[in-house]
Amino acid sequence: MGTSRNYDLFVTHAWRFHEDWTKFTELMDKVPGILWRNFSLPWHDPAISPNTEAGGRFIRSSLESQIIPVHVVVLLAGVYETRSARVWVDMEVEMARKHRKPIIGMPPINKESIPDGLLALCDASSTWEATRLIAVIDEVRSLPTYASKLSDR
């Protein structure tokens, strides 16, 4: 079985652009020989308040619809370090688990490692080196826990 060169990814975010999120998308855009789709859309509609019941439900539903079709969820430790982002990242991790999506952890930009507590949430981790990242994505996609779920893609 050949490795697919198409990647559908969800990259953790908190409804606004973050330097690590931007760097990740730029990194993936430069990898030769792959096609990737970014299912994470960090945007914030000021008319929707996440602090209301209806707003929270809408945002949660929107996040879940972004996570359901992906192959892998990428957990950016740098985004998680932003205190206001933690509630969103925790929700994204919860949804990834619910829908049996493998999670790859990435350290904050210019750091070598992911904090242990965050690493415990991940199935694997990678560096910011493109070849390593693609190898890790391929590896988690082929794990028996996830491969059967992806066989129709």
Protein backbone atom coordinates (compact mmCIF):
# COMPACT_ATOMS: atom_id res chain seq x y z
CA MET A 1 0.00 0.00 0.00
CA GLY A 2 1.52 3.32 -1.04
CA THR A 3 1.53 6.32 1.22
CA SER A 4 -0.98 8.94 0.31
CA ARG A 5 0.52 12.30 -0.54
CA ASN A 6 -2.71 14.11 0.35
CA TYR A 7 -3.05 15.48 3.86
CA ASP A 8 -6.16 16.87 5.51
CA LEU A 9 -5.10 18.55 8.74
CA PHE A 10 -6.64 20.50 11.58
CA VAL A 11 -4.17 22.83 13.32
CA THR A 12 -5.05 23.95 16.83
CA HIS A 13 -5.96 27.59 17.16
CA ALA A 14 -8.05 29.97 19.24
CA TRP A 15 -10.13 32.01 16.81
CA ARG A 16 -7.35 34.37 15.93
CA PHE A 17 -4.14 34.02 13.98
CA HIS A 18 -1.09 32.95 15.95
CA GLU A 19 2.54 33.08 14.84
CA ASP A 20 2.98 29.30 15.27
CA TRP A 21 -0.19 28.61 13.27
CA THR A 22 1.01 30.87 10.46
CA LYS A 23 4.49 29.28 10.49
CA PHE A 24 2.97 25.80 10.36
CA THR A 25 0.83 26.64 7.33
CA GLU A 26 3.83 28.21 5.58
CA LEU A 27 5.92 25.11 6.34
CA MET A 28 3.30 22.77 4.86
CA ASP A 29 2.86 24.99 1.81
CA LYS A 30 6.58 24.58 1.02
CA VAL A 31 6.75 20.77 1.24
CA PRO A 32 7.36 19.47 -2.29
CA GLY A 33 5.23 16.65 -3.65
CA ILE A 34 2.29 16.89 -1.26
CA LEU A 35 -1.16 18.38 -1.34
CA TRP A 36 -2.61 19.48 1.95
CA ARG A 37 -5.83 21.03 3.07
CA ASN A 38 -6.05 23.15 6.18
CA PHE A 39 -9.36 22.49 7.92
CA SER A 40 -8.66 24.92 10.76
CA LEU A 41 -9.97 28.38 10.19
CA PRO A 42 -8.98 30.81 12.93
CA TRP A 43 -11.51 33.56 12.66
CA HIS A 44 -13.66 35.37 15.09
CA ASP A 45 -17.02 36.84 14.26
CA PRO A 46 -17.57 39.56 16.86
CA ALA A 47 -21.33 39.05 16.51
CA ILE A 48 -20.94 35.57 18.00
CA SER A 49 -20.12 35.59 21.68
CA PRO A 50 -18.54 32.36 22.92
CA ASN A 51 -19.76 33.34 26.38
CA THR A 52 -23.45 32.86 25.52
CA GLU A 53 -25.08 29.44 25.35
CA ALA A 54 -26.03 29.82 21.68
CA GLY A 55 -22.65 31.30 20.72
CA GLY A 56 -20.74 28.58 22.55
CA ARG A 57 -22.85 25.89 20.86
CA PHE A 58 -22.28 27.45 17.42
CA ILE A 59 -18.50 27.67 17.92
CA ARG A 60 -18.29 24.13 19.28
CA SER A 61 -20.28 22.82 16.32
CA SER A 62 -18.10 24.77 13.89
CA LEU A 63 -14.91 23.37 15.44
CA GLU A 64 -16.25 19.84 15.37
CA SER A 65 -17.19 20.15 11.69
CA GLN A 66 -13.58 21.20 10.98
CA ILE A 67 -12.12 18.20 12.87
CA ILE A 68 -14.40 15.37 11.65
CA PRO A 69 -13.01 15.10 8.07
CA VAL A 70 -9.27 15.36 8.84
CA HIS A 71 -6.56 12.72 8.92
CA VAL A 72 -4.58 14.31 11.76
CA VAL A 73 -4.90 17.07 14.38
CA VAL A 74 -1.72 19.10 14.94
CA LEU A 75 -1.43 20.43 18.49
CA LEU A 76 0.71 23.56 18.55
CA ALA A 77 2.27 23.94 21.99
CA GLY A 78 2.91 27.61 21.28
CA VAL A 79 -0.80 28.24 20.86
CA TYR A 80 -1.54 26.31 24.05
CA GLU A 81 0.91 28.52 25.96
CA THR A 82 -1.39 31.47 25.24
CA ARG A 83 -3.55 31.41 28.35
CA SER A 84 -6.73 32.57 26.60
CA ALA A 85 -6.32 29.81 23.98
CA ARG A 86 -6.28 26.85 26.38
CA VAL A 87 -10.03 26.43 26.62
CA TRP A 88 -10.24 26.20 22.81
CA VAL A 89 -7.27 23.87 22.42
CA ASP A 90 -8.64 21.60 25.17
CA MET A 91 -11.94 21.49 23.28
CA GLU A 92 -10.15 20.69 20.00
CA VAL A 93 -8.23 17.84 21.68
CA GLU A 94 -11.46 16.51 23.20
CA MET A 95 -13.10 16.49 19.75
CA ALA A 96 -10.07 14.82 18.17
CA ARG A 97 -10.33 12.03 20.74
CA LYS A 98 -14.11 11.74 20.28
CA HIS A 99 -13.66 11.26 16.53
CA ARG A 100 -10.54 9.09 16.89
CA LYS A 101 -8.16 11.49 15.16
CA PRO A 102 -4.43 11.08 15.89
CA ILE A 103 -2.81 14.11 17.52
CA ILE A 104 0.73 15.27 16.68
CA GLY A 105 2.36 17.73 19.06
CA MET A 106 4.64 20.51 17.81
CA PRO A 107 6.90 22.52 20.17
CA PRO A 108 6.60 26.29 20.30
CA ILE A 109 8.64 28.08 17.62
CA ASN A 110 12.34 28.23 18.59
CA LYS A 111 11.95 25.59 21.31
CA GLU A 112 13.03 21.99 21.17
CA SER A 113 10.40 20.28 23.28
CA ILE A 114 6.77 20.11 24.25
CA PRO A 115 5.84 20.36 27.94
CA ASP A 116 5.23 16.88 29.40
CA GLY A 117 1.61 17.59 30.34
CA LEU A 118 0.83 18.56 26.77
CA LEU A 119 2.91 15.75 25.29
CA ALA A 120 0.73 13.28 27.21
CA LEU A 121 -2.22 14.38 25.05
CA CYS A 122 -0.40 13.49 21.82
CA ASP A 123 -0.01 10.25 19.88
CA ALA A 124 3.33 11.49 18.51
CA SER A 125 5.41 14.64 18.27
CA SER A 126 7.52 16.32 15.62
CA THR A 127 10.05 19.05 15.14
CA TRP A 128 9.61 22.00 12.80
CA GLU A 129 11.59 20.13 10.12
CA ALA A 130 9.30 19.35 7.17
CA THR A 131 10.66 15.88 6.33
CA ARG A 132 10.33 14.76 9.95
CA LEU A 133 6.82 16.21 10.20
CA ILE A 134 5.59 14.39 7.08
CA ALA A 135 7.14 11.13 8.33
CA VAL A 136 5.33 11.50 11.68
CA ILE A 137 2.02 12.29 9.95
CA ASP A 138 2.42 9.19 7.76
CA GLU A 139 3.32 7.12 10.84
CA VAL A 140 0.26 8.09 12.91
CA ARG A 141 -2.05 7.72 9.94
CA SER A 142 -0.92 4.11 9.58
CA LEU A 143 -1.38 3.15 13.25
CA PRO A 144 -3.96 0.33 13.51
CA THR A 145 -6.13 2.48 15.79
CA TYR A 146 -6.54 5.07 13.05
CA ALA A 147 -5.77 3.29 9.76
CA SER A 148 -9.07 1.40 9.64
CA LYS A 149 -10.93 4.68 10.17
CA LEU A 150 -9.04 6.21 7.22
CA SER A 151 -9.26 3.32 4.79
CA ASP A 152 -12.09 4.97 2.90
CA ARG A 153 -10.04 8.09 2.09
